Amino acid sequence: MTDFHPVYLLNAAVFAILGILIFVGAFVLVDKITPYALWKEIVEDRNVALAIMVGAMSIGVCIIIAAAVH
């Protein structure tokens, strides 16, 4: 436990918040680029293909963010 410093916890929190903000920004950007409302199509119209596409995009963006933070 001698290697633990509170700064490490602060760094983890900052990077987690930054990663979440970048992910939300990427989702909003993709939502604006597409000609229809993603959330409406997925939730109300139950478009499974679009949900799979958004899920794949989410995983891709998260992998990129994790690699950049690491």
Protein backbone atom coordinates (compact mmCIF):
# COMPACT_ATOMS: atom_id res chain seq x y z
CA MET A 1 0.00 0.00 0.00
CA THR A 2 3.04 2.27 0.08
CA ASP A 3 2.79 2.90 -3.67
CA PHE A 4 -0.69 4.40 -3.51
CA HIS A 5 -0.96 8.15 -3.91
CA PRO A 6 -4.23 10.13 -3.94
CA VAL A 7 -3.08 11.75 -7.18
CA TYR A 8 -3.58 8.40 -8.93
CA LEU A 9 -7.23 8.38 -7.91
CA LEU A 10 -7.64 11.95 -9.15
CA ASN A 11 -5.99 11.06 -12.47
CA ALA A 12 -8.31 8.08 -12.91
CA ALA A 13 -11.37 10.23 -12.20
CA VAL A 14 -10.26 12.96 -14.61
CA PHE A 15 -9.55 10.48 -17.41
CA ALA A 16 -12.87 8.66 -16.79
CA ILE A 17 -14.83 11.92 -16.97
CA LEU A 18 -12.90 13.04 -20.04
CA GLY A 19 -13.52 9.69 -21.74
CA ILE A 20 -17.24 9.84 -21.02
CA LEU A 21 -17.48 13.40 -22.35
CA ILE A 22 -15.65 12.46 -25.55
CA PHE A 23 -17.92 9.43 -25.99
CA VAL A 24 -21.07 11.51 -25.53
CA GLY A 25 -19.70 14.09 -27.97
CA ALA A 26 -19.02 11.38 -30.55
CA PHE A 27 -22.55 10.00 -30.14
CA VAL A 28 -24.07 13.47 -30.57
CA LEU A 29 -21.90 14.05 -33.65
CA VAL A 30 -23.03 10.78 -35.24
CA ASP A 31 -26.63 11.62 -34.31
CA LYS A 32 -26.33 14.98 -36.08
CA ILE A 33 -24.67 13.48 -39.17
CA THR A 34 -27.35 10.85 -39.74
CA PRO A 35 -30.53 11.98 -41.51
CA TYR A 36 -32.79 10.64 -38.74
CA ALA A 37 -32.90 10.74 -34.94
CA LEU A 38 -30.92 7.75 -33.67
CA TRP A 39 -32.56 7.56 -30.27
CA LYS A 40 -36.09 7.74 -31.74
CA GLU A 41 -35.29 5.06 -34.32
CA ILE A 42 -33.80 2.71 -31.73
CA VAL A 43 -36.25 3.20 -28.85
CA GLU A 44 -39.57 4.04 -30.47
CA ASP A 45 -39.29 2.30 -33.85
CA ARG A 46 -37.19 -0.61 -32.47
CA ASN A 47 -34.68 -0.57 -35.33
CA VAL A 48 -32.41 -3.48 -34.38
CA ALA A 49 -29.96 -2.96 -37.24
CA LEU A 50 -29.40 0.64 -36.21
CA ALA A 51 -28.97 -0.40 -32.58
CA ILE A 52 -26.26 -2.87 -33.62
CA MET A 53 -24.55 -0.17 -35.68
CA VAL A 54 -24.62 2.31 -32.80
CA GLY A 55 -23.33 -0.38 -30.44
CA ALA A 56 -20.42 -1.15 -32.76
CA MET A 57 -19.68 2.56 -33.08
CA SER A 58 -19.74 2.88 -29.30
CA ILE A 59 -17.29 0.03 -28.83
CA GLY A 60 -14.99 1.47 -31.49
CA VAL A 61 -14.99 4.94 -29.96
CA CYS A 62 -14.42 3.50 -26.49
CA ILE A 63 -11.44 1.45 -27.70
CA ILE A 64 -9.93 4.55 -29.30
CA ILE A 65 -10.46 6.60 -26.13
CA ALA A 66 -8.99 3.84 -23.95
CA ALA A 67 -5.92 3.58 -26.18
CA ALA A 68 -5.44 7.35 -26.13
CA VAL A 69 -5.77 7.54 -22.35
CA HIS A 70 -3.55 4.53 -21.71
